[in-house]
Full PDB file with SEQRES, HELIX, SHEET, SSBOND, CRYST1, ORIGX, SCALE, CONECT and MASTER records, all heavy atoms in Angstrom:
SEQRES   1 A   38  VAL HIS VAL PRO GLU GLY ARG ARG LEU PHE VAL ALA LEU          
SEQRES   2 A   38  THR VAL ASP GLU ASN LEU VAL ALA GLY ALA HIS LEU GLN          
SEQRES   3 A   38  ASP ARG ARG GLY LEU GLU GLN GLY ARG GLU TYR VAL              
HELIX    1 AA1 VAL A   15  GLY A   22  1                                   8    
HELIX    2 AA2 ARG A   28  TYR A   37  1                                  10    
CRYST1    1.000    1.000    1.000  90.00  90.00  90.00 P 1           1          
ORIGX1      1.000000  0.000000  0.000000        0.00000                         
ORIGX2      0.000000  1.000000  0.000000        0.00000                         
ORIGX3      0.000000  0.000000  1.000000        0.00000                         
SCALE1      1.000000  0.000000  0.000000        0.00000                         
SCALE2      0.000000  1.000000  0.000000        0.00000                         
SCALE3      0.000000  0.000000  1.000000        0.00000                         
ATOM      1  N   VAL A   1      77.323 115.564  97.923  1.00  0.00           N  
ATOM      2  CA  VAL A   1      78.110 116.390  98.948  1.00  0.00           C  
ATOM      3  C   VAL A   1      76.966 116.547 100.190  1.00  0.00           C  
ATOM      4  O   VAL A   1      75.909 117.040  99.935  1.00  0.00           O  
ATOM      5  CB  VAL A   1      78.573 117.680  98.512  1.00  0.00           C  
ATOM      6  CG1 VAL A   1      79.245 118.471  99.600  1.00  0.00           C  
ATOM      7  CG2 VAL A   1      79.490 117.443  97.376  1.00  0.00           C  
ATOM      8  N   HIS A   2      77.600 116.453 101.385  1.00  0.00           N  
ATOM      9  CA  HIS A   2      76.808 116.512 102.518  1.00  0.00           C  
ATOM     10  C   HIS A   2      77.115 117.754 103.397  1.00  0.00           C  
ATOM     11  O   HIS A   2      78.249 117.910 103.758  1.00  0.00           O  
ATOM     12  CB  HIS A   2      76.938 115.298 103.335  1.00  0.00           C  
ATOM     13  CG  HIS A   2      76.403 115.190 104.718  1.00  0.00           C  
ATOM     14  ND1 HIS A   2      76.775 114.214 105.618  1.00  0.00           N  
ATOM     15  CD2 HIS A   2      75.403 115.826 105.335  1.00  0.00           C  
ATOM     16  CE1 HIS A   2      75.955 114.322 106.737  1.00  0.00           C  
ATOM     17  NE2 HIS A   2      75.190 115.408 106.515  1.00  0.00           N  
ATOM     18  N   VAL A   3      76.188 118.549 103.617  1.00  0.00           N  
ATOM     19  CA  VAL A   3      76.404 119.647 104.566  1.00  0.00           C  
ATOM     20  C   VAL A   3      75.883 119.305 105.873  1.00  0.00           C  
ATOM     21  O   VAL A   3      74.656 119.300 106.091  1.00  0.00           O  
ATOM     22  CB  VAL A   3      75.675 121.029 104.149  1.00  0.00           C  
ATOM     23  CG1 VAL A   3      75.964 122.168 105.049  1.00  0.00           C  
ATOM     24  CG2 VAL A   3      76.237 121.334 102.626  1.00  0.00           C  
ATOM     25  N   PRO A   4      76.705 118.997 106.834  1.00  0.00           N  
ATOM     26  CA  PRO A   4      76.290 118.396 108.199  1.00  0.00           C  
ATOM     27  C   PRO A   4      75.500 119.463 109.003  1.00  0.00           C  
ATOM     28  O   PRO A   4      75.731 120.691 108.977  1.00  0.00           O  
ATOM     29  CB  PRO A   4      77.497 117.961 108.785  1.00  0.00           C  
ATOM     30  CG  PRO A   4      78.558 118.851 108.169  1.00  0.00           C  
ATOM     31  CD  PRO A   4      78.178 119.082 106.901  1.00  0.00           C  
ATOM     32  N   GLU A   5      74.834 119.049 109.959  1.00  0.00           N  
ATOM     33  CA  GLU A   5      74.272 119.782 111.046  1.00  0.00           C  
ATOM     34  C   GLU A   5      75.356 120.610 111.776  1.00  0.00           C  
ATOM     35  O   GLU A   5      76.472 119.947 112.121  1.00  0.00           O  
ATOM     36  CB  GLU A   5      73.334 118.893 112.004  1.00  0.00           C  
ATOM     37  CG  GLU A   5      72.800 119.697 113.100  1.00  0.00           C  
ATOM     38  CD  GLU A   5      72.024 118.811 114.054  1.00  0.00           C  
ATOM     39  OE1 GLU A   5      71.618 117.756 113.641  1.00  0.00           O  
ATOM     40  OE2 GLU A   5      71.904 119.187 115.229  1.00  0.00           O  
ATOM     41  N   GLY A   6      75.162 121.845 112.061  1.00  0.00           N  
ATOM     42  CA  GLY A   6      76.206 122.524 112.804  1.00  0.00           C  
ATOM     43  C   GLY A   6      77.313 123.210 111.937  1.00  0.00           C  
ATOM     44  O   GLY A   6      78.324 123.818 112.474  1.00  0.00           O  
ATOM     45  N   ARG A   7      77.149 123.153 110.621  1.00  0.00           N  
ATOM     46  CA  ARG A   7      77.967 123.787 109.619  1.00  0.00           C  
ATOM     47  C   ARG A   7      79.401 123.143 109.519  1.00  0.00           C  
ATOM     48  O   ARG A   7      79.891 122.908 108.494  1.00  0.00           O  
ATOM     49  CB  ARG A   7      78.098 125.294 109.897  1.00  0.00           C  
ATOM     50  CG  ARG A   7      76.981 126.095 109.346  1.00  0.00           C  
ATOM     51  CD  ARG A   7      75.685 126.060 110.118  1.00  0.00           C  
ATOM     52  NE  ARG A   7      75.829 126.989 111.313  1.00  0.00           N  
ATOM     53  CZ  ARG A   7      74.854 127.205 112.240  1.00  0.00           C  
ATOM     54  NH1 ARG A   7      73.656 126.710 111.980  1.00  0.00           N  
ATOM     55  NH2 ARG A   7      75.046 127.949 113.220  1.00  0.00           N  
ATOM     56  N   ARG A   8      80.153 123.216 110.645  1.00  0.00           N  
ATOM     57  CA  ARG A   8      81.473 122.512 110.698  1.00  0.00           C  
ATOM     58  C   ARG A   8      82.462 123.247 109.663  1.00  0.00           C  
ATOM     59  O   ARG A   8      83.141 122.541 108.824  1.00  0.00           O  
ATOM     60  CB  ARG A   8      81.465 121.086 110.571  1.00  0.00           C  
ATOM     61  CG  ARG A   8      80.644 120.417 111.508  1.00  0.00           C  
ATOM     62  CD  ARG A   8      80.708 118.894 111.449  1.00  0.00           C  
ATOM     63  NE  ARG A   8      79.727 118.289 112.312  1.00  0.00           N  
ATOM     64  CZ  ARG A   8      79.526 117.033 112.523  1.00  0.00           C  
ATOM     65  NH1 ARG A   8      80.295 116.134 111.696  1.00  0.00           N  
ATOM     66  NH2 ARG A   8      78.542 116.514 113.227  1.00  0.00           N  
ATOM     67  N   LEU A   9      82.477 124.619 109.798  1.00  0.00           N  
ATOM     68  CA  LEU A   9      83.413 125.285 108.926  1.00  0.00           C  
ATOM     69  C   LEU A   9      84.866 125.255 109.472  1.00  0.00           C  
ATOM     70  O   LEU A   9      85.146 124.793 110.606  1.00  0.00           O  
ATOM     71  CB  LEU A   9      83.073 126.726 108.785  1.00  0.00           C  
ATOM     72  CG  LEU A   9      81.663 127.069 108.232  1.00  0.00           C  
ATOM     73  CD1 LEU A   9      81.387 128.593 108.377  1.00  0.00           C  
ATOM     74  CD2 LEU A   9      81.481 126.538 106.894  1.00  0.00           C  
ATOM     75  N   PHE A  10      85.829 125.675 108.646  1.00  0.00           N  
ATOM     76  CA  PHE A  10      87.243 125.867 109.171  1.00  0.00           C  
ATOM     77  C   PHE A  10      87.283 127.229 109.758  1.00  0.00           C  
ATOM     78  O   PHE A  10      87.374 128.281 109.062  1.00  0.00           O  
ATOM     79  CB  PHE A  10      88.240 125.835 107.971  1.00  0.00           C  
ATOM     80  CG  PHE A  10      88.234 124.411 107.305  1.00  0.00           C  
ATOM     81  CD1 PHE A  10      87.758 124.314 106.062  1.00  0.00           C  
ATOM     82  CD2 PHE A  10      88.645 123.357 108.038  1.00  0.00           C  
ATOM     83  CE1 PHE A  10      87.760 123.079 105.399  1.00  0.00           C  
ATOM     84  CE2 PHE A  10      88.687 122.054 107.391  1.00  0.00           C  
ATOM     85  CZ  PHE A  10      88.218 121.891 106.128  1.00  0.00           C  
ATOM     86  N   VAL A  11      86.938 127.343 111.064  1.00  0.00           N  
ATOM     87  CA  VAL A  11      86.569 128.619 111.716  1.00  0.00           C  
ATOM     88  C   VAL A  11      87.768 129.507 111.766  1.00  0.00           C  
ATOM     89  O   VAL A  11      87.518 130.830 111.882  1.00  0.00           O  
ATOM     90  CB  VAL A  11      86.191 128.357 113.117  1.00  0.00           C  
ATOM     91  CG1 VAL A  11      84.788 127.655 113.143  1.00  0.00           C  
ATOM     92  CG2 VAL A  11      87.070 127.648 113.970  1.00  0.00           C  
ATOM     93  N   ALA A  12      88.966 129.109 111.543  1.00  0.00           N  
ATOM     94  CA  ALA A  12      90.123 130.035 111.567  1.00  0.00           C  
ATOM     95  C   ALA A  12      90.490 130.542 110.188  1.00  0.00           C  
ATOM     96  O   ALA A  12      91.368 131.430 110.057  1.00  0.00           O  
ATOM     97  CB  ALA A  12      91.446 129.265 112.093  1.00  0.00           C  
ATOM     98  N   LEU A  13      89.715 130.057 109.170  1.00  0.00           N  
ATOM     99  CA  LEU A  13      89.941 130.460 107.824  1.00  0.00           C  
ATOM    100  C   LEU A  13      88.881 131.572 107.467  1.00  0.00           C  
ATOM    101  O   LEU A  13      87.813 131.643 107.993  1.00  0.00           O  
ATOM    102  CB  LEU A  13      89.920 129.413 106.819  1.00  0.00           C  
ATOM    103  CG  LEU A  13      90.955 128.299 107.012  1.00  0.00           C  
ATOM    104  CD1 LEU A  13      90.862 127.209 105.867  1.00  0.00           C  
ATOM    105  CD2 LEU A  13      92.352 128.784 107.062  1.00  0.00           C  
ATOM    106  N   THR A  14      89.242 132.385 106.418  1.00  0.00           N  
ATOM    107  CA  THR A  14      88.269 133.377 106.037  1.00  0.00           C  
ATOM    108  C   THR A  14      87.168 132.723 105.193  1.00  0.00           C  
ATOM    109  O   THR A  14      87.294 131.487 104.798  1.00  0.00           O  
ATOM    110  CB  THR A  14      88.948 134.378 105.094  1.00  0.00           C  
ATOM    111  OG1 THR A  14      89.376 133.724 103.846  1.00  0.00           O  
ATOM    112  CG2 THR A  14      90.107 134.990 105.728  1.00  0.00           C  
ATOM    113  N   VAL A  15      86.143 133.487 104.791  1.00  0.00           N  
ATOM    114  CA  VAL A  15      85.037 133.059 103.982  1.00  0.00           C  
ATOM    115  C   VAL A  15      85.619 132.529 102.611  1.00  0.00           C  
ATOM    116  O   VAL A  15      85.393 131.371 102.199  1.00  0.00           O  
ATOM    117  CB  VAL A  15      84.015 133.979 103.724  1.00  0.00           C  
ATOM    118  CG1 VAL A  15      83.008 133.660 102.637  1.00  0.00           C  
ATOM    119  CG2 VAL A  15      83.227 134.445 105.063  1.00  0.00           C  
ATOM    120  N   ASP A  16      86.475 133.228 102.093  1.00  0.00           N  
ATOM    121  CA  ASP A  16      87.099 132.803 100.724  1.00  0.00           C  
ATOM    122  C   ASP A  16      87.890 131.564 100.866  1.00  0.00           C  
ATOM    123  O   ASP A  16      87.786 130.724 100.074  1.00  0.00           O  
ATOM    124  CB  ASP A  16      87.853 134.069 100.216  1.00  0.00           C  
ATOM    125  CG  ASP A  16      87.930 133.978  98.710  1.00  0.00           C  
ATOM    126  OD1 ASP A  16      86.894 134.036  97.966  1.00  0.00           O  
ATOM    127  OD2 ASP A  16      89.021 133.794  98.138  1.00  0.00           O  
ATOM    128  N   GLU A  17      88.643 131.496 101.888  1.00  0.00           N  
ATOM    129  CA  GLU A  17      89.496 130.274 102.107  1.00  0.00           C  
ATOM    130  C   GLU A  17      88.749 129.049 102.361  1.00  0.00           C  
ATOM    131  O   GLU A  17      89.084 127.906 101.939  1.00  0.00           O  
ATOM    132  CB  GLU A  17      90.489 130.546 103.242  1.00  0.00           C  
ATOM    133  CG  GLU A  17      91.595 131.493 102.963  1.00  0.00           C  
ATOM    134  CD  GLU A  17      92.337 132.017 104.189  1.00  0.00           C  
ATOM    135  OE1 GLU A  17      91.752 131.897 105.323  1.00  0.00           O  
ATOM    136  OE2 GLU A  17      93.478 132.627 104.044  1.00  0.00           O  
ATOM    137  N   ASN A  18      87.487 129.133 103.033  1.00  0.00           N  
ATOM    138  CA  ASN A  18      86.626 127.987 103.084  1.00  0.00           C  
ATOM    139  C   ASN A  18      86.135 127.686 101.783  1.00  0.00           C  
ATOM    140  O   ASN A  18      86.036 126.381 101.481  1.00  0.00           O  
ATOM    141  CB  ASN A  18      85.457 128.410 104.074  1.00  0.00           C  
ATOM    142  CG  ASN A  18      85.712 128.056 105.493  1.00  0.00           C  
ATOM    143  OD1 ASN A  18      85.587 126.997 105.972  1.00  0.00           O  
ATOM    144  ND2 ASN A  18      86.255 129.045 106.280  1.00  0.00           N  
ATOM    145  N   LEU A  19      85.824 128.580 100.879  1.00  0.00           N  
ATOM    146  CA  LEU A  19      85.244 128.240  99.587  1.00  0.00           C  
ATOM    147  C   LEU A  19      86.354 127.491  98.818  1.00  0.00           C  
ATOM    148  O   LEU A  19      86.157 126.487  98.006  1.00  0.00           O  
ATOM    149  CB  LEU A  19      84.697 129.426  98.868  1.00  0.00           C  
ATOM    150  CG  LEU A  19      83.612 130.144  99.515  1.00  0.00           C  
ATOM    151  CD1 LEU A  19      83.129 131.324  98.554  1.00  0.00           C  
ATOM    152  CD2 LEU A  19      82.426 129.138  99.669  1.00  0.00           C  
ATOM    153  N   VAL A  20      87.575 128.067  98.884  1.00  0.00           N  
ATOM    154  CA  VAL A  20      88.692 127.468  98.216  1.00  0.00           C  
ATOM    155  C   VAL A  20      88.954 125.972  98.678  1.00  0.00           C  
ATOM    156  O   VAL A  20      89.261 125.092  97.890  1.00  0.00           O  
ATOM    157  CB  VAL A  20      89.997 128.291  98.368  1.00  0.00           C  
ATOM    158  CG1 VAL A  20      91.225 127.486  97.856  1.00  0.00           C  
ATOM    159  CG2 VAL A  20      89.888 129.624  97.683  1.00  0.00           C  
ATOM    160  N   ALA A  21      88.808 125.793  99.955  1.00  0.00           N  
ATOM    161  CA  ALA A  21      88.908 124.371 100.506  1.00  0.00           C  
ATOM    162  C   ALA A  21      87.987 123.517  99.845  1.00  0.00           C  
ATOM    163  O   ALA A  21      88.218 122.289  99.640  1.00  0.00           O  
ATOM    164  CB  ALA A  21      88.851 124.345 101.955  1.00  0.00           C  
ATOM    165  N   GLY A  22      86.780 123.948  99.530  1.00  0.00           N  
ATOM    166  CA  GLY A  22      85.706 123.179  98.971  1.00  0.00           C  
ATOM    167  C   GLY A  22      85.947 122.781  97.512  1.00  0.00           C  
ATOM    168  O   GLY A  22      85.259 121.905  97.014  1.00  0.00           O  
ATOM    169  N   ALA A  23      86.847 123.600  96.943  1.00  0.00           N  
ATOM    170  CA  ALA A  23      87.133 123.449  95.485  1.00  0.00           C  
ATOM    171  C   ALA A  23      88.393 122.612  95.126  1.00  0.00           C  
ATOM    172  O   ALA A  23      88.919 122.803  94.135  1.00  0.00           O  
ATOM    173  CB  ALA A  23      87.223 124.883  94.881  1.00  0.00           C  
ATOM    174  N   HIS A  24      88.787 121.891  96.131  1.00  0.00           N  
ATOM    175  CA  HIS A  24      90.021 121.048  96.020  1.00  0.00           C  
ATOM    176  C   HIS A  24      89.968 120.117  94.734  1.00  0.00           C  
ATOM    177  O   HIS A  24      91.135 119.729  94.350  1.00  0.00           O  
ATOM    178  CB  HIS A  24      90.365 120.355  97.205  1.00  0.00           C  
ATOM    179  CG  HIS A  24      89.475 119.203  97.522  1.00  0.00           C  
ATOM    180  ND1 HIS A  24      88.210 119.373  98.123  1.00  0.00           N  
ATOM    181  CD2 HIS A  24      89.582 117.833  97.431  1.00  0.00           C  
ATOM    182  CE1 HIS A  24      87.577 118.282  98.406  1.00  0.00           C  
ATOM    183  NE2 HIS A  24      88.476 117.355  97.908  1.00  0.00           N  
ATOM    184  N   LEU A  25      88.859 119.820  94.318  1.00  0.00           N  
ATOM    185  CA  LEU A  25      88.812 118.837  93.134  1.00  0.00           C  
ATOM    186  C   LEU A  25      88.670 119.777  91.798  1.00  0.00           C  
ATOM    187  O   LEU A  25      88.647 119.100  90.735  1.00  0.00           O  
ATOM    188  CB  LEU A  25      87.475 117.954  93.217  1.00  0.00           C  
ATOM    189  CG  LEU A  25      87.474 116.945  94.469  1.00  0.00           C  
ATOM    190  CD1 LEU A  25      86.180 116.297  94.435  1.00  0.00           C  
ATOM    191  CD2 LEU A  25      88.659 116.032  94.365  1.00  0.00           C  
ATOM    192  N   GLN A  26      88.692 121.100  91.856  1.00  0.00           N  
ATOM    193  CA  GLN A  26      88.500 121.861  90.692  1.00  0.00           C  
ATOM    194  C   GLN A  26      89.830 122.489  90.163  1.00  0.00           C  
ATOM    195  O   GLN A  26      90.749 122.621  91.072  1.00  0.00           O  
ATOM    196  CB  GLN A  26      87.542 122.940  90.988  1.00  0.00           C  
ATOM    197  CG  GLN A  26      86.140 122.530  91.565  1.00  0.00           C  
ATOM    198  CD  GLN A  26      85.468 121.622  90.646  1.00  0.00           C  
ATOM    199  OE1 GLN A  26      85.463 121.740  89.410  1.00  0.00           O  
ATOM    200  NE2 GLN A  26      84.835 120.591  91.194  1.00  0.00           N  
ATOM    201  N   ASP A  27      89.947 122.663  88.974  1.00  0.00           N  
ATOM    202  CA  ASP A  27      91.061 123.488  88.423  1.00  0.00           C  
ATOM    203  C   ASP A  27      90.846 125.018  88.702  1.00  0.00           C  
ATOM    204  O   ASP A  27      89.782 125.364  89.265  1.00  0.00           O  
ATOM    205  CB  ASP A  27      91.329 123.181  86.902  1.00  0.00           C  
ATOM    206  CG  ASP A  27      90.086 123.543  85.998  1.00  0.00           C  
ATOM    207  OD1 ASP A  27      89.199 124.389  86.492  1.00  0.00           O  
ATOM    208  OD2 ASP A  27      89.979 123.074  84.983  1.00  0.00           O  
ATOM    209  N   ARG A  28      91.755 125.828  88.322  1.00  0.00           N  
ATOM    210  CA  ARG A  28      91.646 127.234  88.572  1.00  0.00           C  
ATOM    211  C   ARG A  28      90.318 127.932  87.963  1.00  0.00           C  
ATOM    212  O   ARG A  28      89.725 128.694  88.609  1.00  0.00           O  
ATOM    213  CB  ARG A  28      92.849 128.032  88.030  1.00  0.00           C  
ATOM    214  CG  ARG A  28      92.857 129.504  88.336  1.00  0.00           C  
ATOM    215  CD  ARG A  28      94.170 130.228  87.882  1.00  0.00           C  
ATOM    216  NE  ARG A  28      95.290 129.750  88.715  1.00  0.00           N  
ATOM    217  CZ  ARG A  28      95.507 130.215  90.032  1.00  0.00           C  
ATOM    218  NH1 ARG A  28      94.763 131.165  90.453  1.00  0.00           N  
ATOM    219  NH2 ARG A  28      96.527 129.798  90.717  1.00  0.00           N  
ATOM    220  N   ARG A  29      90.072 127.437  86.825  1.00  0.00           N  
ATOM    221  CA  ARG A  29      88.922 128.049  86.077  1.00  0.00           C  
ATOM    222  C   ARG A  29      87.623 127.589  86.904  1.00  0.00           C  
ATOM    223  O   ARG A  29      86.685 128.397  87.017  1.00  0.00           O  
ATOM    224  CB  ARG A  29      88.767 127.539  84.612  1.00  0.00           C  
ATOM    225  CG  ARG A  29      87.609 128.095  83.879  1.00  0.00           C  
ATOM    226  CD  ARG A  29      87.834 127.890  82.389  1.00  0.00           C  
ATOM    227  NE  ARG A  29      86.640 128.270  81.587  1.00  0.00           N  
ATOM    228  CZ  ARG A  29      85.621 127.623  81.200  1.00  0.00           C  
ATOM    229  NH1 ARG A  29      85.639 126.376  81.665  1.00  0.00           N  
ATOM    230  NH2 ARG A  29      84.604 128.157  80.469  1.00  0.00           N  
ATOM    231  N   GLY A  30      87.541 126.325  87.263  1.00  0.00           N  
ATOM    232  CA  GLY A  30      86.503 125.837  88.021  1.00  0.00           C  
ATOM    233  C   GLY A  30      86.332 126.493  89.349  1.00  0.00           C  
ATOM    234  O   GLY A  30      85.164 126.791  89.864  1.00  0.00           O  
ATOM    235  N   LEU A  31      87.395 126.826  90.025  1.00  0.00           N  
ATOM    236  CA  LEU A  31      87.425 127.620  91.306  1.00  0.00           C  
ATOM    237  C   LEU A  31      86.846 128.889  91.139  1.00  0.00           C  
ATOM    238  O   LEU A  31      85.975 129.398  91.914  1.00  0.00           O  
ATOM    239  CB  LEU A  31      88.968 127.735  91.833  1.00  0.00           C  
ATOM    240  CG  LEU A  31      89.168 128.686  92.943  1.00  0.00           C  
ATOM    241  CD1 LEU A  31      88.385 128.247  94.165  1.00  0.00           C  
ATOM    242  CD2 LEU A  31      90.649 128.868  93.245  1.00  0.00           C  
ATOM    243  N   GLU A  32      87.264 129.646  90.040  1.00  0.00           N  
ATOM    244  CA  GLU A  32      86.746 130.996  89.824  1.00  0.00           C  
ATOM    245  C   GLU A  32      85.225 131.014  89.555  1.00  0.00           C  
ATOM    246  O   GLU A  32      84.469 131.826  90.014  1.00  0.00           O  
ATOM    247  CB  GLU A  32      87.474 131.695  88.794  1.00  0.00           C  
ATOM    248  CG  GLU A  32      88.931 132.010  89.108  1.00  0.00           C  
ATOM    249  CD  GLU A  32      89.048 132.856  90.361  1.00  0.00           C  
ATOM    250  OE1 GLU A  32      88.214 133.666  90.526  1.00  0.00           O  
ATOM    251  OE2 GLU A  32      89.969 132.525  91.189  1.00  0.00           O  
ATOM    252  N   GLN A  33      84.734 130.013  88.716  1.00  0.00           N  
ATOM    253  CA  GLN A  33      83.390 129.929  88.406  1.00  0.00           C  
ATOM    254  C   GLN A  33      82.488 129.588  89.646  1.00  0.00           C  
ATOM    255  O   GLN A  33      81.469 130.243  89.831  1.00  0.00           O  
ATOM    256  CB  GLN A  33      83.180 128.832  87.422  1.00  0.00           C  
ATOM    257  CG  GLN A  33      83.640 129.119  86.016  1.00  0.00           C  
ATOM    258  CD  GLN A  33      83.491 128.046  84.992  1.00  0.00           C  
ATOM    259  OE1 GLN A  33      83.448 126.810  85.388  1.00  0.00           O  
ATOM    260  NE2 GLN A  33      83.466 128.305  83.769  1.00  0.00           N  
ATOM    261  N   GLY A  34      83.057 128.743  90.461  1.00  0.00           N  
ATOM    262  CA  GLY A  34      82.391 128.373  91.756  1.00  0.00           C  
ATOM    263  C   GLY A  34      82.294 129.513  92.647  1.00  0.00           C  
ATOM    264  O   GLY A  34      81.170 129.809  93.132  1.00  0.00           O  
ATOM    265  N   ARG A  35      83.343 130.248  92.880  1.00  0.00           N  
ATOM    266  CA  ARG A  35      83.321 131.414  93.768  1.00  0.00           C  
ATOM    267  C   ARG A  35      82.293 132.489  93.139  1.00  0.00           C  
ATOM    268  O   ARG A  35      81.570 133.023  93.927  1.00  0.00           O  
ATOM    269  CB  ARG A  35      84.759 131.919  93.618  1.00  0.00           C  
ATOM    270  CG  ARG A  35      85.036 133.102  94.712  1.00  0.00           C  
ATOM    271  CD  ARG A  35      86.420 133.641  94.496  1.00  0.00           C  
ATOM    272  NE  ARG A  35      87.410 133.080  95.237  1.00  0.00           N  
ATOM    273  CZ  ARG A  35      88.721 132.782  94.736  1.00  0.00           C  
ATOM    274  NH1 ARG A  35      88.979 133.051  93.584  1.00  0.00           N  
ATOM    275  NH2 ARG A  35      89.491 132.337  95.690  1.00  0.00           N  
ATOM    276  N   GLU A  36      82.370 132.740  91.846  1.00  0.00           N  
ATOM    277  CA  GLU A  36      81.449 133.631  91.331  1.00  0.00           C  
ATOM    278  C   GLU A  36      79.980 133.276  91.570  1.00  0.00           C  
ATOM    279  O   GLU A  36      79.134 134.113  91.957  1.00  0.00           O  
ATOM    280  CB  GLU A  36      81.679 133.819  89.869  1.00  0.00           C  
ATOM    281  CG  GLU A  36      80.771 134.930  89.145  1.00  0.00           C  
ATOM    282  CD  GLU A  36      81.109 134.991  87.622  1.00  0.00           C  
ATOM    283  OE1 GLU A  36      82.069 134.430  87.214  1.00  0.00           O  
ATOM    284  OE2 GLU A  36      80.335 135.762  87.001  1.00  0.00           O  
ATOM    285  N   TYR A  37      79.707 132.017  91.381  1.00  0.00           N  
ATOM    286  CA  TYR A  37      78.364 131.495  91.563  1.00  0.00           C  
ATOM    287  C   TYR A  37      77.921 131.629  92.997  1.00  0.00           C  
ATOM    288  O   TYR A  37      76.727 132.014  93.310  1.00  0.00           O  
ATOM    289  CB  TYR A  37      78.286 129.961  91.084  1.00  0.00           C  
ATOM    290  CG  TYR A  37      76.920 129.475  91.254  1.00  0.00           C  
ATOM    291  CD1 TYR A  37      75.922 129.740  90.245  1.00  0.00           C  
ATOM    292  CD2 TYR A  37      76.425 128.761  92.319  1.00  0.00           C  
ATOM    293  CE1 TYR A  37      74.612 129.268  90.357  1.00  0.00           C  
ATOM    294  CE2 TYR A  37      75.203 128.257  92.430  1.00  0.00           C  
ATOM    295  CZ  TYR A  37      74.181 128.556  91.443  1.00  0.00           C  
ATOM    296  OH  TYR A  37      72.936 128.109  91.568  1.00  0.00           O  
ATOM    297  N   VAL A  38      78.694 131.232  93.985  1.00  0.00           N  
ATOM    298  CA  VAL A  38      78.408 131.318  95.357  1.00  0.00           C  
ATOM    299  C   VAL A  38      78.253 132.779  95.825  1.00  0.00           C  
ATOM    300  O   VAL A  38      77.124 133.007  96.493  1.00  0.00           O  
ATOM    301  CB  VAL A  38      79.469 130.656  96.246  1.00  0.00           C  
ATOM    302  CG1 VAL A  38      79.250 130.904  97.768  1.00  0.00           C  
ATOM    303  CG2 VAL A  38      79.608 129.126  95.895  1.00  0.00           C  
TER     304      VAL A  38                                                      
MASTER        0    0    0    2    0    0    0    6  303    1    0    3          
END                                                                             
């Protein structure tokens, strides 16, 4: 996974919604684990 220069977030989404967008390959359990870790 590449974090590009300039961040390039979904600026209209919340912090939590941006994290959820990054978890599109995870199931619900993976989403919750990832969120807790971040």
